[in-house]
N, C-alpha and C. Protein backbone atom coordinates (compact mmCIF):
# COMPACT_ATOMS: atom_id res chain seq x y z
N MET A 1 -55.06 -44.16 -23.14
CA MET A 1 -56.01 -43.39 -23.92
C MET A 1 -56.14 -44.01 -25.31
N ASP A 2 -55.04 -44.55 -25.84
CA ASP A 2 -55.10 -45.15 -27.17
C ASP A 2 -55.92 -46.44 -27.16
N ARG A 3 -55.94 -47.14 -26.00
CA ARG A 3 -56.65 -48.43 -25.93
C ARG A 3 -58.11 -48.27 -25.51
N ALA A 4 -58.50 -47.06 -25.15
CA ALA A 4 -59.90 -46.86 -24.74
C ALA A 4 -60.80 -46.99 -25.95
N THR A 5 -61.85 -47.81 -25.79
CA THR A 5 -62.76 -48.06 -26.91
C THR A 5 -64.04 -47.29 -26.76
N ARG A 6 -64.43 -46.99 -25.56
CA ARG A 6 -65.69 -46.28 -25.36
C ARG A 6 -65.43 -44.86 -24.89
N LEU A 7 -66.35 -44.03 -25.04
CA LEU A 7 -66.28 -42.64 -24.63
C LEU A 7 -66.23 -42.53 -23.11
N SER A 8 -66.87 -43.38 -22.39
CA SER A 8 -66.86 -43.35 -20.93
C SER A 8 -65.46 -43.68 -20.39
N ASP A 9 -64.73 -44.57 -21.08
CA ASP A 9 -63.36 -44.88 -20.68
C ASP A 9 -62.46 -43.65 -20.87
N VAL A 10 -62.65 -42.93 -21.94
CA VAL A 10 -61.86 -41.72 -22.21
C VAL A 10 -62.15 -40.67 -21.15
N VAL A 11 -63.43 -40.50 -20.78
CA VAL A 11 -63.81 -39.50 -19.77
C VAL A 11 -63.22 -39.90 -18.42
N THR A 12 -63.27 -41.17 -18.08
CA THR A 12 -62.71 -41.65 -16.80
C THR A 12 -61.20 -41.42 -16.77
N LEU A 13 -60.51 -41.72 -17.83
CA LEU A 13 -59.06 -41.52 -17.89
C LEU A 13 -58.70 -40.04 -17.80
N GLU A 14 -59.46 -39.20 -18.45
CA GLU A 14 -59.21 -37.76 -18.36
C GLU A 14 -59.43 -37.26 -16.94
N GLY A 15 -60.40 -37.76 -16.23
CA GLY A 15 -60.66 -37.39 -14.84
C GLY A 15 -59.48 -37.79 -13.95
N GLU A 16 -59.02 -39.04 -14.15
CA GLU A 16 -57.86 -39.53 -13.39
C GLU A 16 -56.61 -38.67 -13.68
N LEU A 17 -56.41 -38.37 -14.93
CA LEU A 17 -55.27 -37.56 -15.32
C LEU A 17 -55.36 -36.16 -14.70
N SER A 18 -56.51 -35.57 -14.69
CA SER A 18 -56.71 -34.24 -14.10
C SER A 18 -56.46 -34.28 -12.60
N SER A 19 -56.97 -35.33 -11.92
CA SER A 19 -56.77 -35.40 -10.47
C SER A 19 -55.28 -35.62 -10.14
N ARG A 20 -54.59 -36.44 -10.93
CA ARG A 20 -53.15 -36.65 -10.69
C ARG A 20 -52.37 -35.35 -10.93
N GLN A 21 -52.75 -34.64 -11.95
CA GLN A 21 -52.07 -33.39 -12.25
C GLN A 21 -52.32 -32.38 -11.14
N ALA A 22 -53.52 -32.31 -10.62
CA ALA A 22 -53.85 -31.42 -9.50
C ALA A 22 -53.05 -31.81 -8.26
N ASP A 23 -52.93 -33.13 -7.98
CA ASP A 23 -52.13 -33.58 -6.84
C ASP A 23 -50.67 -33.17 -7.01
N LEU A 24 -50.15 -33.31 -8.23
CA LEU A 24 -48.76 -32.94 -8.49
C LEU A 24 -48.54 -31.45 -8.26
N GLU A 25 -49.45 -30.64 -8.76
CA GLU A 25 -49.32 -29.19 -8.57
C GLU A 25 -49.43 -28.82 -7.09
N SER A 26 -50.29 -29.50 -6.35
CA SER A 26 -50.45 -29.26 -4.92
C SER A 26 -49.15 -29.62 -4.18
N LEU A 27 -48.58 -30.76 -4.53
CA LEU A 27 -47.32 -31.18 -3.89
C LEU A 27 -46.18 -30.22 -4.23
N LEU A 28 -46.12 -29.74 -5.46
CA LEU A 28 -45.09 -28.77 -5.83
C LEU A 28 -45.24 -27.45 -5.07
N ALA A 29 -46.48 -26.99 -4.89
CA ALA A 29 -46.73 -25.77 -4.14
C ALA A 29 -46.36 -25.97 -2.67
N ARG A 30 -46.66 -27.14 -2.12
CA ARG A 30 -46.32 -27.44 -0.72
C ARG A 30 -44.80 -27.49 -0.56
N GLN A 31 -44.11 -28.08 -1.54
CA GLN A 31 -42.65 -28.15 -1.48
C GLN A 31 -42.04 -26.75 -1.49
N ALA A 32 -42.57 -25.88 -2.35
CA ALA A 32 -42.07 -24.51 -2.40
C ALA A 32 -42.33 -23.78 -1.09
N SER A 33 -43.49 -24.00 -0.49
CA SER A 33 -43.83 -23.36 0.78
C SER A 33 -42.90 -23.85 1.89
N LEU A 34 -42.63 -25.15 1.94
CA LEU A 34 -41.72 -25.70 2.95
C LEU A 34 -40.30 -25.20 2.74
N LYS A 35 -39.90 -25.05 1.49
CA LYS A 35 -38.56 -24.54 1.20
C LYS A 35 -38.41 -23.11 1.72
N ASP A 36 -39.44 -22.28 1.51
CA ASP A 36 -39.40 -20.91 2.02
C ASP A 36 -39.36 -20.88 3.54
N ARG A 37 -40.12 -21.76 4.17
CA ARG A 37 -40.15 -21.80 5.63
C ARG A 37 -38.80 -22.23 6.21
N THR A 38 -38.18 -23.20 5.58
CA THR A 38 -36.90 -23.66 6.12
C THR A 38 -35.79 -22.65 5.88
N SER A 39 -35.86 -21.88 4.81
CA SER A 39 -34.82 -20.88 4.58
C SER A 39 -34.94 -19.72 5.57
N LEU A 40 -36.14 -19.47 6.10
CA LEU A 40 -36.34 -18.41 7.08
C LEU A 40 -36.36 -18.92 8.51
N ALA A 41 -36.12 -20.19 8.72
CA ALA A 41 -36.18 -20.77 10.05
C ALA A 41 -35.05 -20.24 10.92
N THR A 42 -35.31 -20.10 12.19
CA THR A 42 -34.32 -19.62 13.14
C THR A 42 -33.53 -20.80 13.68
N ILE A 43 -32.23 -20.64 13.69
CA ILE A 43 -31.36 -21.66 14.23
C ILE A 43 -30.73 -21.10 15.49
N THR A 44 -30.80 -21.83 16.57
CA THR A 44 -30.21 -21.41 17.83
C THR A 44 -28.97 -22.25 18.08
N LEU A 45 -27.85 -21.58 18.28
CA LEU A 45 -26.58 -22.25 18.50
C LEU A 45 -26.00 -21.76 19.81
N THR A 46 -25.66 -22.67 20.67
CA THR A 46 -25.08 -22.31 21.95
C THR A 46 -23.69 -22.91 22.04
N LEU A 47 -22.69 -22.06 22.21
CA LEU A 47 -21.31 -22.49 22.34
C LEU A 47 -20.85 -22.21 23.76
N SER A 48 -20.11 -23.12 24.30
CA SER A 48 -19.58 -22.89 25.64
C SER A 48 -18.15 -23.38 25.68
N GLU A 49 -17.40 -22.79 26.55
CA GLU A 49 -15.98 -23.12 26.68
C GLU A 49 -15.71 -23.41 28.14
N THR A 50 -14.88 -24.38 28.36
CA THR A 50 -14.52 -24.65 29.74
C THR A 50 -13.60 -23.54 30.21
N PRO A 51 -13.84 -23.00 31.38
CA PRO A 51 -13.03 -21.87 31.85
C PRO A 51 -11.58 -22.31 32.07
N VAL A 52 -10.66 -21.42 31.67
CA VAL A 52 -9.24 -21.67 31.82
C VAL A 52 -8.80 -21.09 33.16
N LYS A 53 -8.14 -21.90 33.92
CA LYS A 53 -7.67 -21.42 35.22
C LYS A 53 -6.30 -20.79 35.04
N LYS A 54 -6.20 -19.54 35.43
CA LYS A 54 -4.93 -18.83 35.33
C LYS A 54 -4.17 -18.97 36.64
N ALA A 55 -2.86 -19.09 36.47
CA ALA A 55 -2.02 -19.13 37.65
C ALA A 55 -1.97 -17.74 38.26
N ALA A 56 -2.18 -17.66 39.53
CA ALA A 56 -2.20 -16.37 40.21
C ALA A 56 -0.78 -15.85 40.36
N LYS A 57 -0.54 -14.65 39.83
CA LYS A 57 0.76 -14.01 39.96
C LYS A 57 0.69 -13.02 41.11
N ALA A 58 1.77 -12.95 41.81
CA ALA A 58 1.82 -12.01 42.92
C ALA A 58 2.03 -10.58 42.41
N ASP A 59 2.78 -10.43 41.28
CA ASP A 59 3.10 -9.11 40.77
C ASP A 59 2.75 -9.05 39.28
N ASP A 60 1.74 -8.27 38.92
CA ASP A 60 1.35 -8.13 37.52
C ASP A 60 1.98 -6.91 36.86
N ASP A 61 2.64 -6.07 37.63
CA ASP A 61 3.26 -4.87 37.08
C ASP A 61 4.53 -5.24 36.31
N PRO A 62 4.74 -4.61 35.16
CA PRO A 62 5.97 -4.91 34.41
C PRO A 62 7.19 -4.32 35.13
N GLY A 63 8.29 -5.02 35.02
CA GLY A 63 9.51 -4.57 35.66
C GLY A 63 10.57 -4.21 34.63
N PHE A 64 11.78 -4.00 35.12
CA PHE A 64 12.89 -3.62 34.26
C PHE A 64 13.21 -4.70 33.24
N LEU A 65 13.22 -5.94 33.66
CA LEU A 65 13.54 -7.04 32.74
C LEU A 65 12.46 -7.21 31.68
N ASP A 66 11.21 -6.96 32.06
CA ASP A 66 10.13 -7.01 31.06
C ASP A 66 10.32 -5.93 30.00
N ALA A 67 10.69 -4.74 30.45
CA ALA A 67 10.93 -3.64 29.50
C ALA A 67 12.14 -3.93 28.63
N LEU A 68 13.18 -4.51 29.22
CA LEU A 68 14.38 -4.85 28.46
C LEU A 68 14.07 -5.91 27.41
N ALA A 69 13.29 -6.92 27.77
CA ALA A 69 12.91 -7.96 26.82
C ALA A 69 12.04 -7.38 25.70
N GLY A 70 11.12 -6.50 26.04
CA GLY A 70 10.29 -5.87 25.02
C GLY A 70 11.09 -4.99 24.09
N GLY A 71 12.03 -4.23 24.63
CA GLY A 71 12.88 -3.37 23.80
C GLY A 71 13.76 -4.20 22.87
N TRP A 72 14.29 -5.32 23.36
CA TRP A 72 15.10 -6.19 22.53
C TRP A 72 14.27 -6.77 21.39
N GLY A 73 13.02 -7.15 21.68
CA GLY A 73 12.13 -7.67 20.63
C GLY A 73 11.86 -6.62 19.57
N VAL A 74 11.64 -5.39 19.98
CA VAL A 74 11.40 -4.30 19.02
C VAL A 74 12.64 -4.04 18.20
N PHE A 75 13.81 -4.08 18.83
CA PHE A 75 15.07 -3.87 18.11
C PHE A 75 15.28 -4.94 17.05
N LEU A 76 15.04 -6.19 17.39
CA LEU A 76 15.20 -7.27 16.42
C LEU A 76 14.19 -7.15 15.28
N THR A 77 12.97 -6.76 15.61
CA THR A 77 11.95 -6.56 14.57
C THR A 77 12.36 -5.43 13.64
N LEU A 78 12.90 -4.34 14.19
CA LEU A 78 13.36 -3.22 13.37
C LEU A 78 14.49 -3.66 12.44
N LEU A 79 15.44 -4.45 12.97
CA LEU A 79 16.52 -4.95 12.12
C LEU A 79 15.99 -5.83 11.00
N ARG A 80 15.03 -6.67 11.30
CA ARG A 80 14.44 -7.52 10.25
C ARG A 80 13.80 -6.69 9.16
N TRP A 81 13.06 -5.65 9.55
CA TRP A 81 12.39 -4.80 8.55
C TRP A 81 13.42 -4.01 7.73
N LEU A 82 14.48 -3.54 8.39
CA LEU A 82 15.51 -2.81 7.64
C LEU A 82 16.20 -3.73 6.64
N MET A 83 16.50 -4.95 7.04
CA MET A 83 17.12 -5.90 6.12
C MET A 83 16.17 -6.24 4.97
N LEU A 84 14.90 -6.34 5.27
CA LEU A 84 13.91 -6.60 4.22
C LEU A 84 13.86 -5.45 3.22
N ALA A 85 13.87 -4.22 3.73
CA ALA A 85 13.86 -3.05 2.85
C ALA A 85 15.15 -2.98 2.03
N LEU A 86 16.29 -3.28 2.65
CA LEU A 86 17.55 -3.28 1.93
C LEU A 86 17.55 -4.34 0.84
N GLY A 87 17.02 -5.50 1.15
CA GLY A 87 16.93 -6.56 0.14
C GLY A 87 16.03 -6.17 -1.01
N ALA A 88 14.99 -5.40 -0.74
CA ALA A 88 14.09 -4.97 -1.81
C ALA A 88 14.73 -3.89 -2.67
N ILE A 89 15.54 -3.03 -2.08
CA ILE A 89 16.15 -1.91 -2.81
C ILE A 89 17.42 -2.33 -3.54
N LEU A 90 18.12 -3.35 -3.05
CA LEU A 90 19.42 -3.74 -3.57
C LEU A 90 19.45 -3.99 -5.07
N PRO A 91 18.51 -4.70 -5.69
CA PRO A 91 18.58 -4.89 -7.15
C PRO A 91 18.49 -3.57 -7.93
N PHE A 92 17.66 -2.66 -7.45
CA PHE A 92 17.52 -1.38 -8.13
C PHE A 92 18.80 -0.55 -7.97
N ALA A 93 19.41 -0.59 -6.78
CA ALA A 93 20.64 0.15 -6.55
C ALA A 93 21.77 -0.40 -7.42
N ALA A 94 21.83 -1.72 -7.61
CA ALA A 94 22.87 -2.31 -8.45
C ALA A 94 22.71 -1.86 -9.90
N VAL A 95 21.49 -1.85 -10.39
CA VAL A 95 21.24 -1.40 -11.77
C VAL A 95 21.58 0.09 -11.90
N ALA A 96 21.22 0.90 -10.91
CA ALA A 96 21.53 2.33 -10.96
C ALA A 96 23.04 2.56 -10.93
N ALA A 97 23.77 1.80 -10.12
CA ALA A 97 25.23 1.94 -10.07
C ALA A 97 25.85 1.55 -11.40
N LEU A 98 25.33 0.53 -12.04
CA LEU A 98 25.83 0.11 -13.34
C LEU A 98 25.59 1.20 -14.39
N VAL A 99 24.42 1.81 -14.37
CA VAL A 99 24.11 2.88 -15.31
C VAL A 99 25.03 4.08 -15.08
N VAL A 100 25.27 4.46 -13.83
CA VAL A 100 26.16 5.59 -13.53
C VAL A 100 27.58 5.27 -13.97
N LEU A 101 28.04 4.04 -13.75
CA LEU A 101 29.38 3.66 -14.16
C LEU A 101 29.53 3.72 -15.68
N VAL A 102 28.57 3.19 -16.41
CA VAL A 102 28.62 3.23 -17.87
C VAL A 102 28.59 4.68 -18.35
N TRP A 103 27.75 5.49 -17.76
CA TRP A 103 27.64 6.90 -18.15
C TRP A 103 28.96 7.62 -17.91
N SER A 104 29.55 7.43 -16.73
CA SER A 104 30.77 8.18 -16.42
C SER A 104 31.97 7.69 -17.22
N ARG A 105 32.02 6.44 -17.61
CA ARG A 105 33.17 5.91 -18.35
C ARG A 105 33.04 6.08 -19.86
N LEU A 106 31.85 5.89 -20.40
CA LEU A 106 31.69 5.89 -21.85
C LEU A 106 31.09 7.17 -22.42
N ILE A 107 30.04 7.66 -21.82
CA ILE A 107 29.30 8.77 -22.43
C ILE A 107 29.76 10.12 -21.90
N GLY A 108 30.06 10.21 -20.61
CA GLY A 108 30.47 11.48 -19.99
C GLY A 108 31.67 12.13 -20.64
N PRO A 109 32.78 11.43 -20.90
CA PRO A 109 33.96 12.07 -21.51
C PRO A 109 33.72 12.56 -22.95
N ARG A 110 32.76 12.03 -23.64
CA ARG A 110 32.51 12.42 -25.04
C ARG A 110 31.64 13.67 -25.16
N LEU A 111 30.99 14.09 -24.07
CA LEU A 111 30.14 15.28 -24.12
C LEU A 111 31.01 16.53 -24.13
N PRO A 112 30.60 17.60 -24.84
CA PRO A 112 31.39 18.84 -24.85
C PRO A 112 31.32 19.51 -23.48
N ARG A 113 32.43 20.08 -23.05
CA ARG A 113 32.50 20.76 -21.75
C ARG A 113 31.98 22.18 -21.88
N ARG A 114 31.32 22.65 -20.85
CA ARG A 114 30.85 24.04 -20.82
C ARG A 114 32.01 24.93 -20.37
N PRO A 115 32.08 26.17 -20.87
CA PRO A 115 33.15 27.07 -20.41
C PRO A 115 32.92 27.46 -18.95
N ARG A 116 34.01 27.76 -18.25
CA ARG A 116 33.89 28.15 -16.85
C ARG A 116 33.25 29.53 -16.76
N PRO A 117 32.48 29.79 -15.71
CA PRO A 117 31.81 31.10 -15.59
C PRO A 117 32.78 32.27 -15.45
N GLU A 118 33.99 32.10 -14.86
CA GLU A 118 34.91 33.23 -14.66
C GLU A 118 35.44 33.74 -16.01
N SER A 119 35.77 32.83 -16.90
CA SER A 119 36.34 33.26 -18.17
C SER A 119 35.27 33.88 -19.07
N ALA A 120 34.06 33.47 -18.94
CA ALA A 120 32.99 34.03 -19.77
C ALA A 120 32.54 35.38 -19.26
N ALA A 121 32.59 35.63 -17.93
CA ALA A 121 32.09 36.88 -17.37
C ALA A 121 33.11 38.00 -17.48
N GLY A 122 34.40 37.69 -17.55
CA GLY A 122 35.44 38.73 -17.58
C GLY A 122 35.36 39.57 -18.83
N GLY A 123 35.23 38.97 -19.97
CA GLY A 123 35.06 39.68 -21.22
C GLY A 123 36.32 40.40 -21.68
N GLY A 124 37.45 40.32 -21.01
CA GLY A 124 38.70 40.94 -21.45
C GLY A 124 38.74 42.43 -21.28
N SER A 125 37.95 43.06 -20.40
CA SER A 125 37.94 44.51 -20.26
C SER A 125 39.13 45.00 -19.47
N GLY A 126 39.67 44.17 -18.59
CA GLY A 126 40.86 44.56 -17.85
C GLY A 126 40.56 45.41 -16.63
N THR A 127 39.36 45.84 -16.39
CA THR A 127 39.02 46.65 -15.22
C THR A 127 38.59 45.74 -14.10
N ALA A 128 38.91 46.11 -12.91
CA ALA A 128 38.51 45.32 -11.74
C ALA A 128 37.23 45.89 -11.20
N GLY A 129 36.18 45.22 -11.39
CA GLY A 129 34.89 45.64 -10.88
C GLY A 129 34.24 44.48 -10.15
N PRO A 130 33.08 44.71 -9.59
CA PRO A 130 32.42 43.59 -8.90
C PRO A 130 32.05 42.53 -9.92
N GLY A 131 32.36 41.29 -9.64
CA GLY A 131 32.04 40.20 -10.54
C GLY A 131 33.16 39.89 -11.50
N SER A 132 34.30 40.60 -11.41
CA SER A 132 35.40 40.33 -12.33
C SER A 132 36.47 39.48 -11.68
N GLY A 133 36.20 38.86 -10.60
CA GLY A 133 37.17 38.00 -9.96
C GLY A 133 37.94 38.67 -8.85
N SER A 134 37.73 39.99 -8.58
CA SER A 134 38.45 40.66 -7.50
C SER A 134 37.74 40.36 -6.19
N LEU A 135 38.31 40.86 -5.10
CA LEU A 135 37.70 40.65 -3.79
C LEU A 135 36.36 41.34 -3.72
N PRO A 136 35.42 40.76 -3.02
CA PRO A 136 34.10 41.39 -2.94
C PRO A 136 34.13 42.64 -2.08
N VAL A 137 33.31 43.59 -2.45
CA VAL A 137 33.21 44.85 -1.72
C VAL A 137 32.03 44.73 -0.78
N ALA A 138 32.24 45.14 0.49
CA ALA A 138 31.17 45.05 1.49
C ALA A 138 30.11 46.09 1.20
N PRO A 139 28.86 45.76 1.39
CA PRO A 139 27.79 46.75 1.17
C PRO A 139 27.83 47.81 2.26
N PRO A 140 27.38 49.04 1.95
CA PRO A 140 27.42 50.12 2.96
C PRO A 140 26.48 49.80 4.12
N VAL A 141 26.89 50.17 5.31
CA VAL A 141 26.09 49.97 6.52
C VAL A 141 25.21 51.19 6.69
N PRO A 142 23.90 51.03 6.88
CA PRO A 142 23.03 52.19 7.03
C PRO A 142 23.34 52.97 8.32
N GLY A 143 23.35 54.28 8.21
CA GLY A 143 23.58 55.15 9.37
C GLY A 143 25.04 55.38 9.68
N ARG A 144 25.94 54.90 8.81
CA ARG A 144 27.37 55.07 9.04
C ARG A 144 28.00 55.69 7.80
N ALA A 145 28.90 56.62 8.01
CA ALA A 145 29.55 57.30 6.89
C ALA A 145 30.54 56.35 6.25
N PRO A 146 30.70 56.43 4.93
CA PRO A 146 31.67 55.55 4.28
C PRO A 146 33.09 55.86 4.74
N ASP A 147 33.86 54.82 4.87
CA ASP A 147 35.23 54.92 5.35
C ASP A 147 36.16 55.09 4.15
N ALA A 148 37.16 55.94 4.27
CA ALA A 148 38.06 56.18 3.14
C ALA A 148 39.00 55.02 2.91
N GLY A 149 39.22 54.20 3.95
CA GLY A 149 40.18 53.12 3.82
C GLY A 149 39.61 51.84 3.25
N ASN A 150 38.30 51.75 3.06
CA ASN A 150 37.75 50.51 2.58
C ASN A 150 37.42 50.52 1.10
N GLY A 151 37.75 51.56 0.39
CA GLY A 151 37.56 51.60 -1.04
C GLY A 151 36.22 52.19 -1.45
N GLU A 152 35.44 52.66 -0.50
CA GLU A 152 34.14 53.26 -0.85
C GLU A 152 34.32 54.76 -1.02
N ALA A 153 33.56 55.37 -1.92
CA ALA A 153 33.68 56.79 -2.14
C ALA A 153 32.51 57.53 -1.56
């Protein structure tokens, strides 16, 4: 365009430029259309496997040995899970035992002791009543007269 000297050369170049630009836009639109078509295209996939020949067994029913083998497998699996659970709990149990040991040796003896309930409930009255440490008195039986020998009046 810079080297064009006549007006007709400029018009011709602009026409060429417009047609090239139109071709480019057409190709871009076609590319977008093809992209959409390929993303929605159906793909058919067929997989096949060669059939496996099974050995024919005369007896398919489980027997005693099958049950014994299955029970042994379950027993071993249970032992594995129990050992796994024990291994998971063991660090926590060790820390808890250490805390209980420290508490019972260092802190427990320094705490003040509570008075025993018998000495606090007696109150020094000297009378033997229920709750004063004497033998318990049986409650009266409904429909029966109190007996003179059992201490009831």
